[in-house]
Amino acid sequence: MYGVNYFFSAEGNDKNSGTSELSSWRLINKLDEIPLNAGDTVNVRCGDEFHGSVKLYNLQGDDENPIIFRSYNNGIKPLLSGNSRTDQSVLSFSNFKR
């Protein structure tokens, strides 16, 4: 199953589509406005920091097709900082600061 790629960068604009590096979103809480489904990927640019609150409920991922959070580009691993809530364990994170 193929999902949608969403992109975040410090230079993004939340009026963009968020579906490519050139049209990335800036605020991580933009995730509250979209349904994340099985196979979707949230791409966060290396070297950037994102602070905020995200509520990840009613996710449609599963063991075979998780919702993936990963970094893109080279450089320092990105930082996600803030409060997040979820009712699911269908998320996969890779290459982030701890």
PDB file of N, CA and C in Angstrom:
ATOM      1  N   MET A   1       0.840  -1.179   0.000  1.00  0.00           N
ATOM      2  CA  MET A   1       0.000   0.000   0.000  1.00  0.00           C
ATOM      3  C   MET A   1       0.885   1.241   0.000  1.00  0.00           C
ATOM      4  N   TYR A   2       0.556   2.182  -0.857  1.00  0.00           N
ATOM      5  CA  TYR A   2       1.294   3.430  -0.927  1.00  0.00           C
ATOM      6  C   TYR A   2       0.544   4.511  -0.178  1.00  0.00           C
ATOM      7  N   GLY A   3       1.281   5.312   0.553  1.00  0.00           N
ATOM      8  CA  GLY A   3       0.670   6.390   1.313  1.00  0.00           C
ATOM      9  C   GLY A   3       1.100   7.737   0.779  1.00  0.00           C
ATOM     10  N   VAL A   4       0.692   8.753   1.479  1.00  0.00           N
ATOM     11  CA  VAL A   4       1.023  10.131   1.126  1.00  0.00           C
ATOM     12  C   VAL A   4       2.273  10.544   1.894  1.00  0.00           C
ATOM     13  N   ASN A   5       3.154  11.286   1.241  1.00  0.00           N
ATOM     14  CA  ASN A   5       4.320  11.868   1.886  1.00  0.00           C
ATOM     15  C   ASN A   5       3.998  13.300   2.275  1.00  0.00           C
ATOM     16  N   TYR A   6       4.249  13.633   3.541  1.00  0.00           N
ATOM     17  CA  TYR A   6       4.090  15.000   4.034  1.00  0.00           C
ATOM     18  C   TYR A   6       5.462  15.503   4.456  1.00  0.00           C
ATOM     19  N   PHE A   7       5.743  16.787   4.212  1.00  0.00           N
ATOM     20  CA  PHE A   7       7.055  17.353   4.483  1.00  0.00           C
ATOM     21  C   PHE A   7       6.957  18.567   5.401  1.00  0.00           C
ATOM     22  N   PHE A   8       7.935  18.651   6.324  1.00  0.00           N
ATOM     23  CA  PHE A   8       8.039  19.778   7.245  1.00  0.00           C
ATOM     24  C   PHE A   8       9.458  20.327   7.199  1.00  0.00           C
ATOM     25  N   SER A   9       9.581  21.653   7.191  1.00  0.00           N
ATOM     26  CA  SER A   9      10.885  22.310   7.294  1.00  0.00           C
ATOM     27  C   SER A   9      10.694  23.654   7.984  1.00  0.00           C
ATOM     28  N   ALA A  10      11.771  24.158   8.583  1.00  0.00           N
ATOM     29  CA  ALA A  10      11.705  25.434   9.298  1.00  0.00           C
ATOM     30  C   ALA A  10      11.364  26.583   8.358  1.00  0.00           C
ATOM     31  N   GLU A  11      11.656  26.429   7.070  1.00  0.00           N
ATOM     32  CA  GLU A  11      11.338  27.469   6.096  1.00  0.00           C
ATOM     33  C   GLU A  11      10.029  27.213   5.363  1.00  0.00           C
ATOM     34  N   GLY A  12       9.290  26.193   5.781  1.00  0.00           N
ATOM     35  CA  GLY A  12       8.024  25.875   5.123  1.00  0.00           C
ATOM     36  C   GLY A  12       6.964  26.932   5.374  1.00  0.00           C
ATOM     37  N   ASN A  13       5.822  26.734   4.738  1.00  0.00           N
ATOM     38  CA  ASN A  13       4.686  27.641   4.883  1.00  0.00           C
ATOM     39  C   ASN A  13       3.441  26.782   5.042  1.00  0.00           C
ATOM     40  N   ASP A  14       2.682  27.022   6.076  1.00  0.00           N
ATOM     41  CA  ASP A  14       1.512  26.187   6.348  1.00  0.00           C
ATOM     42  C   ASP A  14       0.381  26.377   5.345  1.00  0.00           C
ATOM     43  N   LYS A  15       0.532  27.318   4.416  1.00  0.00           N
ATOM     44  CA  LYS A  15      -0.440  27.473   3.328  1.00  0.00           C
ATOM     45  C   LYS A  15      -0.089  26.575   2.142  1.00  0.00           C
ATOM     46  N   ASN A  16       1.104  25.981   2.173  1.00  0.00           N
ATOM     47  CA  ASN A  16       1.530  25.055   1.119  1.00  0.00           C
ATOM     48  C   ASN A  16       0.747  23.754   1.200  1.00  0.00           C
ATOM     49  N   SER A  17       0.943  22.899   0.204  1.00  0.00           N
ATOM     50  CA  SER A  17       0.277  21.587   0.194  1.00  0.00           C
ATOM     51  C   SER A  17       0.921  20.620   1.175  1.00  0.00           C
ATOM     52  N   GLY A  18       2.218  20.816   1.483  1.00  0.00           N
ATOM     53  CA  GLY A  18       2.922  19.933   2.405  1.00  0.00           C
ATOM     54  C   GLY A  18       3.308  18.591   1.816  1.00  0.00           C
ATOM     55  N   THR A  19       3.127  18.409   0.514  1.00  0.00           N
ATOM     56  CA  THR A  19       3.357  17.093  -0.088  1.00  0.00           C
ATOM     57  C   THR A  19       4.649  16.988  -0.897  1.00  0.00           C
ATOM     58  N   SER A  20       5.547  17.965  -0.753  1.00  0.00           N
ATOM     59  CA  SER A  20       6.861  17.870  -1.381  1.00  0.00           C
ATOM     60  C   SER A  20       7.836  18.728  -0.582  1.00  0.00           C
ATOM     61  N   GLU A  21       9.130  18.524  -0.820  1.00  0.00           N
ATOM     62  CA  GLU A  21      10.131  19.327  -0.121  1.00  0.00           C
ATOM     63  C   GLU A  21       9.949  20.811  -0.428  1.00  0.00           C
ATOM     64  N   LEU A  22       9.619  21.132  -1.669  1.00  0.00           N
ATOM     65  CA  LEU A  22       9.463  22.529  -2.076  1.00  0.00           C
ATOM     66  C   LEU A  22       8.172  23.159  -1.577  1.00  0.00           C
ATOM     67  N   SER A  23       7.216  22.342  -1.155  1.00  0.00           N
ATOM     68  CA  SER A  23       5.946  22.884  -0.645  1.00  0.00           C
ATOM     69  C   SER A  23       5.702  22.400   0.787  1.00  0.00           C
ATOM     70  N   SER A  24       6.785  22.384   1.580  1.00  0.00           N
ATOM     71  CA  SER A  24       6.702  21.854   2.951  1.00  0.00           C
ATOM     72  C   SER A  24       5.904  22.776   3.867  1.00  0.00           C
ATOM     73  N   TRP A  25       5.417  22.187   4.941  1.00  0.00           N
ATOM     74  CA  TRP A  25       4.758  22.932   6.010  1.00  0.00           C
ATOM     75  C   TRP A  25       5.799  23.339   7.042  1.00  0.00           C
ATOM     76  N   ARG A  26       5.473  24.327   7.871  1.00  0.00           N
ATOM     77  CA  ARG A  26       6.398  24.804   8.901  1.00  0.00           C
ATOM     78  C   ARG A  26       6.037  24.293  10.292  1.00  0.00           C
ATOM     79  N   LEU A  27       4.774  24.342  10.675  1.00  0.00           N
ATOM     80  CA  LEU A  27       4.370  23.978  12.036  1.00  0.00           C
ATOM     81  C   LEU A  27       3.942  22.518  12.125  1.00  0.00           C
ATOM     82  N   ILE A  28       4.535  21.776  13.054  1.00  0.00           N
ATOM     83  CA  ILE A  28       4.262  20.345  13.184  1.00  0.00           C
ATOM     84  C   ILE A  28       2.814  20.069  13.584  1.00  0.00           C
ATOM     85  N   ASN A  29       2.160  21.029  14.241  1.00  0.00           N
ATOM     86  CA  ASN A  29       0.764  20.789  14.619  1.00  0.00           C
ATOM     87  C   ASN A  29      -0.183  20.833  13.424  1.00  0.00           C
ATOM     88  N   LYS A  30       0.344  21.077  12.242  1.00  0.00           N
ATOM     89  CA  LYS A  30      -0.442  20.945  11.006  1.00  0.00           C
ATOM     90  C   LYS A  30      -0.953  19.506  10.878  1.00  0.00           C
ATOM     91  N   LEU A  31      -0.272  18.565  11.539  1.00  0.00           N
ATOM     92  CA  LEU A  31      -0.700  17.161  11.513  1.00  0.00           C
ATOM     93  C   LEU A  31      -2.085  16.970  12.123  1.00  0.00           C
ATOM     94  N   ASP A  32      -2.496  17.883  12.994  1.00  0.00           N
ATOM     95  CA  ASP A  32      -3.834  17.786  13.595  1.00  0.00           C
ATOM     96  C   ASP A  32      -4.943  17.981  12.562  1.00  0.00           C
ATOM     97  N   GLU A  33      -4.603  18.568  11.412  1.00  0.00           N
ATOM     98  CA  GLU A  33      -5.601  18.914  10.401  1.00  0.00           C
ATOM     99  C   GLU A  33      -5.776  17.865   9.316  1.00  0.00           C
ATOM    100  N   ILE A  34      -4.925  16.850   9.304  1.00  0.00           N
ATOM    101  CA  ILE A  34      -4.990  15.861   8.222  1.00  0.00           C
ATOM    102  C   ILE A  34      -5.175  14.456   8.794  1.00  0.00           C
ATOM    103  N   PRO A  35      -5.845  13.594   8.056  1.00  0.00           N
ATOM    104  CA  PRO A  35      -5.946  12.199   8.492  1.00  0.00           C
ATOM    105  C   PRO A  35      -4.679  11.447   8.083  1.00  0.00           C
ATOM    106  N   LEU A  36      -4.010  10.823   9.038  1.00  0.00           N
ATOM    107  CA  LEU A  36      -2.853   9.994   8.708  1.00  0.00           C
ATOM    108  C   LEU A  36      -3.328   8.561   8.536  1.00  0.00           C
ATOM    109  N   ASN A  37      -2.990   7.982   7.389  1.00  0.00           N
ATOM    110  CA  ASN A  37      -3.459   6.648   7.041  1.00  0.00           C
ATOM    111  C   ASN A  37      -2.303   5.678   6.881  1.00  0.00           C
ATOM    112  N   ALA A  38      -2.617   4.410   6.785  1.00  0.00           N
ATOM    113  CA  ALA A  38      -1.618   3.359   6.599  1.00  0.00           C
ATOM    114  C   ALA A  38      -0.699   3.712   5.438  1.00  0.00           C
ATOM    115  N   GLY A  39       0.607   3.623   5.680  1.00  0.00           N
ATOM    116  CA  GLY A  39       1.585   3.885   4.639  1.00  0.00           C
ATOM    117  C   GLY A  39       1.981   5.342   4.478  1.00  0.00           C
ATOM    118  N   ASP A  40       1.327   6.262   5.171  1.00  0.00           N
ATOM    119  CA  ASP A  40       1.709   7.673   5.090  1.00  0.00           C
ATOM    120  C   ASP A  40       3.061   7.880   5.758  1.00  0.00           C
ATOM    121  N   THR A  41       3.812   8.873   5.259  1.00  0.00           N
ATOM    122  CA  THR A  41       5.120   9.195   5.816  1.00  0.00           C
ATOM    123  C   THR A  41       5.192  10.684   6.117  1.00  0.00           C
ATOM    124  N   VAL A  42       5.641  11.006   7.320  1.00  0.00           N
ATOM    125  CA  VAL A  42       5.874  12.388   7.729  1.00  0.00           C
ATOM    126  C   VAL A  42       7.383  12.602   7.676  1.00  0.00           C
ATOM    127  N   ASN A  43       7.838  13.454   6.760  1.00  0.00           N
ATOM    128  CA  ASN A  43       9.250  13.724   6.537  1.00  0.00           C
ATOM    129  C   ASN A  43       9.619  15.052   7.186  1.00  0.00           C
ATOM    130  N   VAL A  44      10.630  15.025   8.054  1.00  0.00           N
ATOM    131  CA  VAL A  44      11.040  16.204   8.812  1.00  0.00           C
ATOM    132  C   VAL A  44      12.485  16.518   8.437  1.00  0.00           C
ATOM    133  N   ARG A  45      12.746  17.756   8.018  1.00  0.00           N
ATOM    134  CA  ARG A  45      14.063  18.113   7.486  1.00  0.00           C
ATOM    135  C   ARG A  45      15.147  18.108   8.557  1.00  0.00           C
ATOM    136  N   CYS A  46      16.285  17.520   8.214  1.00  0.00           N
ATOM    137  CA  CYS A  46      17.444  17.498   9.105  1.00  0.00           C
ATOM    138  C   CYS A  46      17.887  18.919   9.426  1.00  0.00           C
ATOM    139  N   GLY A  47      18.367  19.097  10.651  1.00  0.00           N
ATOM    140  CA  GLY A  47      18.863  20.384  11.099  1.00  0.00           C
ATOM    141  C   GLY A  47      17.795  21.297  11.672  1.00  0.00           C
ATOM    142  N   ASP A  48      16.532  20.931  11.535  1.00  0.00           N
ATOM    143  CA  ASP A  48      15.437  21.770  12.017  1.00  0.00           C
ATOM    144  C   ASP A  48      14.905  21.267  13.356  1.00  0.00           C
ATOM    145  N   GLU A  49      14.293  22.167  14.095  1.00  0.00           N
ATOM    146  CA  GLU A  49      13.644  21.818  15.361  1.00  0.00           C
ATOM    147  C   GLU A  49      12.177  22.199  15.274  1.00  0.00           C
ATOM    148  N   PHE A  50      11.332  21.335  15.805  1.00  0.00           N
ATOM    149  CA  PHE A  50       9.889  21.553  15.768  1.00  0.00           C
ATOM    150  C   PHE A  50       9.341  21.415  17.178  1.00  0.00           C
ATOM    151  N   HIS A  51       8.633  22.433  17.614  1.00  0.00           N
ATOM    152  CA  HIS A  51       8.066  22.464  18.956  1.00  0.00           C
ATOM    153  C   HIS A  51       6.564  22.645  18.826  1.00  0.00           C
ATOM    154  N   GLY A  52       5.835  21.943  19.625  1.00  0.00           N
ATOM    155  CA  GLY A  52       4.390  22.110  19.579  1.00  0.00           C
ATOM    156  C   GLY A  52       3.679  20.896  20.126  1.00  0.00           C
ATOM    157  N   SER A  53       2.403  20.911  19.989  1.00  0.00           N
ATOM    158  CA  SER A  53       1.551  19.841  20.490  1.00  0.00           C
ATOM    159  C   SER A  53       0.842  19.181  19.320  1.00  0.00           C
ATOM    160  N   VAL A  54       0.860  17.865  19.295  1.00  0.00           N
ATOM    161  CA  VAL A  54       0.212  17.114  18.220  1.00  0.00           C
ATOM    162  C   VAL A  54      -0.680  16.054  18.847  1.00  0.00           C
ATOM    163  N   LYS A  55      -1.868  15.922  18.330  1.00  0.00           N
ATOM    164  CA  LYS A  55      -2.807  14.894  18.795  1.00  0.00           C
ATOM    165  C   LYS A  55      -2.992  13.889  17.670  1.00  0.00           C
ATOM    166  N   LEU A  56      -2.485  12.692  17.870  1.00  0.00           N
ATOM    167  CA  LEU A  56      -2.548  11.654  16.841  1.00  0.00           C
ATOM    168  C   LEU A  56      -3.536  10.580  17.272  1.00  0.00           C
ATOM    169  N   TYR A  57      -4.799  10.795  16.980  1.00  0.00           N
ATOM    170  CA  TYR A  57      -5.854   9.856  17.343  1.00  0.00           C
ATOM    171  C   TYR A  57      -6.489   9.255  16.100  1.00  0.00           C
ATOM    172  N   ASN A  58      -7.096   8.092  16.272  1.00  0.00           N
ATOM    173  CA  ASN A  58      -7.818   7.415  15.186  1.00  0.00           C
ATOM    174  C   ASN A  58      -6.954   7.220  13.952  1.00  0.00           C
ATOM    175  N   LEU A  59      -5.706   6.838  14.182  1.00  0.00           N
ATOM    176  CA  LEU A  59      -4.798   6.593  13.072  1.00  0.00           C
ATOM    177  C   LEU A  59      -5.190   5.317  12.347  1.00  0.00           C
ATOM    178  N   GLN A  60      -4.935   5.292  11.059  1.00  0.00           N
ATOM    179  CA  GLN A  60      -5.344   4.155  10.245  1.00  0.00           C
ATOM    180  C   GLN A  60      -4.182   3.258   9.838  1.00  0.00           C
ATOM    181  N   GLY A  61      -3.040   3.362  10.494  1.00  0.00           N
ATOM    182  CA  GLY A  61      -1.922   2.484  10.199  1.00  0.00           C
ATOM    183  C   GLY A  61      -2.130   1.110  10.812  1.00  0.00           C
ATOM    184  N   ASP A  62      -1.268   0.169  10.425  1.00  0.00           N
ATOM    185  CA  ASP A  62      -1.311  -1.164  11.008  1.00  0.00           C
ATOM    186  C   ASP A  62       0.096  -1.741  11.002  1.00  0.00           C
ATOM    187  N   ASP A  63       0.265  -2.958  11.500  1.00  0.00           N
ATOM    188  CA  ASP A  63       1.600  -3.558  11.583  1.00  0.00           C
ATOM    189  C   ASP A  63       2.263  -3.687  10.215  1.00  0.00           C
ATOM    190  N   GLU A  64       1.493  -3.959   9.194  1.00  0.00           N
ATOM    191  CA  GLU A  64       2.032  -4.124   7.842  1.00  0.00           C
ATOM    192  C   GLU A  64       2.328  -2.786   7.169  1.00  0.00           C
ATOM    193  N   ASN A  65       1.568  -1.771   7.488  1.00  0.00           N
ATOM    194  CA  ASN A  65       1.691  -0.447   6.877  1.00  0.00           C
ATOM    195  C   ASN A  65       1.620   0.636   7.951  1.00  0.00           C
ATOM    196  N   PRO A  66       2.716   0.811   8.716  1.00  0.00           N
ATOM    197  CA  PRO A  66       2.688   1.822   9.777  1.00  0.00           C
ATOM    198  C   PRO A  66       2.731   3.234   9.193  1.00  0.00           C
ATOM    199  N   ILE A  67       2.456   4.191  10.017  1.00  0.00           N
ATOM    200  CA  ILE A  67       2.650   5.595   9.678  1.00  0.00           C
ATOM    201  C   ILE A  67       4.069   5.928  10.113  1.00  0.00           C
ATOM    202  N   ILE A  68       4.884   6.407   9.186  1.00  0.00           N
ATOM    203  CA  ILE A  68       6.319   6.571   9.416  1.00  0.00           C
ATOM    204  C   ILE A  68       6.674   8.040   9.599  1.00  0.00           C
ATOM    205  N   PHE A  69       7.472   8.329  10.621  1.00  0.00           N
ATOM    206  CA  PHE A  69       8.077   9.642  10.816  1.00  0.00           C
ATOM    207  C   PHE A  69       9.565   9.454  10.557  1.00  0.00           C
ATOM    208  N   ARG A  70      10.128  10.221   9.624  1.00  0.00           N
ATOM    209  CA  ARG A  70      11.557  10.092   9.324  1.00  0.00           C
ATOM    210  C   ARG A  70      12.125  11.444   8.916  1.00  0.00           C
ATOM    211  N   SER A  71      13.450  11.525   8.955  1.00  0.00           N
ATOM    212  CA  SER A  71      14.117  12.758   8.551  1.00  0.00           C
ATOM    213  C   SER A  71      14.495  12.672   7.077  1.00  0.00           C
ATOM    214  N   TYR A  72      14.684  13.852   6.477  1.00  0.00           N
ATOM    215  CA  TYR A  72      15.169  13.895   5.102  1.00  0.00           C
ATOM    216  C   TYR A  72      16.281  14.928   4.996  1.00  0.00           C
ATOM    217  N   ASN A  73      17.094  14.798   3.960  1.00  0.00           N
ATOM    218  CA  ASN A  73      18.308  15.583   3.729  1.00  0.00           C
ATOM    219  C   ASN A  73      19.396  15.127   4.693  1.00  0.00           C
ATOM    220  N   ASN A  74      20.588  15.621   4.468  1.00  0.00           N
ATOM    221  CA  ASN A  74      21.726  15.267   5.312  1.00  0.00           C
ATOM    222  C   ASN A  74      21.904  16.314   6.394  1.00  0.00           C
ATOM    223  N   GLY A  75      22.569  15.930   7.454  1.00  0.00           N
ATOM    224  CA  GLY A  75      22.871  16.886   8.507  1.00  0.00           C
ATOM    225  C   GLY A  75      22.447  16.392   9.867  1.00  0.00           C
ATOM    226  N   ILE A  76      22.346  17.337  10.778  1.00  0.00           N
ATOM    227  CA  ILE A  76      21.980  17.034  12.159  1.00  0.00           C
ATOM    228  C   ILE A  76      20.559  16.492  12.198  1.00  0.00           C
ATOM    229  N   LYS A  77      20.374  15.453  12.980  1.00  0.00           N
ATOM    230  CA  LYS A  77      19.035  14.874  13.107  1.00  0.00           C
ATOM    231  C   LYS A  77      18.056  15.927  13.600  1.00  0.00           C
ATOM    232  N   PRO A  78      16.845  15.934  13.062  1.00  0.00           N
ATOM    233  CA  PRO A  78      15.859  16.914  13.514  1.00  0.00           C
ATOM    234  C   PRO A  78      15.373  16.603  14.926  1.00  0.00           C
ATOM    235  N   LEU A  79      14.814  17.624  15.561  1.00  0.00           N
ATOM    236  CA  LEU A  79      14.290  17.487  16.913  1.00  0.00           C
ATOM    237  C   LEU A  79      12.795  17.761  16.904  1.00  0.00           C
ATOM    238  N   LEU A  80      12.031  16.838  17.453  1.00  0.00           N
ATOM    239  CA  LEU A  80      10.603  17.037  17.689  1.00  0.00           C
ATOM    240  C   LEU A  80      10.437  17.185  19.186  1.00  0.00           C
ATOM    241  N   SER A  81       9.928  18.319  19.623  1.00  0.00           N
ATOM    242  CA  SER A  81       9.820  18.597  21.045  1.00  0.00           C
ATOM    243  C   SER A  81       8.439  19.138  21.364  1.00  0.00           C
ATOM    244  N   GLY A  82       7.855  18.631  22.431  1.00  0.00           N
ATOM    245  CA  GLY A  82       6.549  19.127  22.837  1.00  0.00           C
ATOM    246  C   GLY A  82       5.686  17.999  23.356  1.00  0.00           C
ATOM    247  N   ASN A  83       4.412  18.250  23.428  1.00  0.00           N
ATOM    248  CA  ASN A  83       3.460  17.255  23.903  1.00  0.00           C
ATOM    249  C   ASN A  83       2.785  16.580  22.726  1.00  0.00           C
ATOM    250  N   SER A  84       2.745  15.269  22.774  1.00  0.00           N
ATOM    251  CA  SER A  84       2.044  14.510  21.747  1.00  0.00           C
ATOM    252  C   SER A  84       1.194  13.457  22.419  1.00  0.00           C
ATOM    253  N   ARG A  85       0.051  13.212  21.843  1.00  0.00           N
ATOM    254  CA  ARG A  85      -0.839  12.179  22.363  1.00  0.00           C
ATOM    255  C   ARG A  85      -1.265  11.290  21.212  1.00  0.00           C
ATOM    256  N   THR A  86      -1.368  10.019  21.509  1.00  0.00           N
ATOM    257  CA  THR A  86      -1.856   9.082  20.506  1.00  0.00           C
ATOM    258  C   THR A  86      -2.580   7.949  21.201  1.00  0.00           C
ATOM    259  N   ASP A  87      -3.489   7.336  20.488  1.00  0.00           N
ATOM    260  CA  ASP A  87      -4.195   6.175  21.026  1.00  0.00           C
ATOM    261  C   ASP A  87      -3.807   4.916  20.260  1.00  0.00           C
ATOM    262  N   GLN A  88      -2.731   5.000  19.495  1.00  0.00           N
ATOM    263  CA  GLN A  88      -2.336   3.897  18.630  1.00  0.00           C
ATOM    264  C   GLN A  88      -0.856   3.589  18.803  1.00  0.00           C
ATOM    265  N   SER A  89      -0.465   2.387  18.416  1.00  0.00           N
ATOM    266  CA  SER A  89       0.949   2.028  18.382  1.00  0.00           C
ATOM    267  C   SER A  89       1.329   1.618  16.970  1.00  0.00           C
ATOM    268  N   VAL A  90       0.900   2.390  15.999  1.00  0.00           N
ATOM    269  CA  VAL A  90       1.155   2.078  14.596  1.00  0.00           C
ATOM    270  C   VAL A  90       2.088   3.116  13.981  1.00  0.00           C
ATOM    271  N   LEU A  91       2.958   3.694  14.812  1.00  0.00           N
ATOM    272  CA  LEU A  91       3.895   4.707  14.359  1.00  0.00           C
ATOM    273  C   LEU A  91       5.298   4.140  14.349  1.00  0.00           C
ATOM    274  N   SER A  92       6.115   4.603  13.403  1.00  0.00           N
ATOM    275  CA  SER A  92       7.512   4.219  13.323  1.00  0.00           C
ATOM    276  C   SER A  92       8.342   5.491  13.191  1.00  0.00           C
ATOM    277  N   PHE A  93       9.362   5.670  14.068  1.00  0.00           N
ATOM    278  CA  PHE A  93      10.216   6.848  14.028  1.00  0.00           C
ATOM    279  C   PHE A  93      11.632   6.417  13.680  1.00  0.00           C
ATOM    280  N   SER A  94      12.318   7.192  12.812  1.00  0.00           N
ATOM    281  CA  SER A  94      13.709   6.882  12.509  1.00  0.00           C
ATOM    282  C   SER A  94      14.510   8.153  12.286  1.00  0.00           C
ATOM    283  N   ASN A  95      15.749   8.150  12.799  1.00  0.00           N
ATOM    284  CA  ASN A  95      16.744   9.192  12.594  1.00  0.00           C
ATOM    285  C   ASN A  95      16.345  10.551  13.172  1.00  0.00           C
ATOM    286  N   PHE A  96      15.934  10.566  14.447  1.00  0.00           N
ATOM    287  CA  PHE A  96      15.614  11.802  15.158  1.00  0.00           C
ATOM    288  C   PHE A  96      16.518  11.931  16.371  1.00  0.00           C
ATOM    289  N   LYS A  97      16.714  13.172  16.851  1.00  0.00           N
ATOM    290  CA  LYS A  97      17.425  13.389  18.114  1.00  0.00           C
ATOM    291  C   LYS A  97      16.603  12.806  19.240  1.00  0.00           C
ATOM    292  N   ARG A  98      17.284  12.324  20.257  1.00  0.00           N
ATOM    293  CA  ARG A  98      16.587  11.806  21.443  1.00  0.00           C
ATOM    294  C   ARG A  98      16.704  12.784  22.572  1.00  0.00           C
TER     295      ARG A  98
END
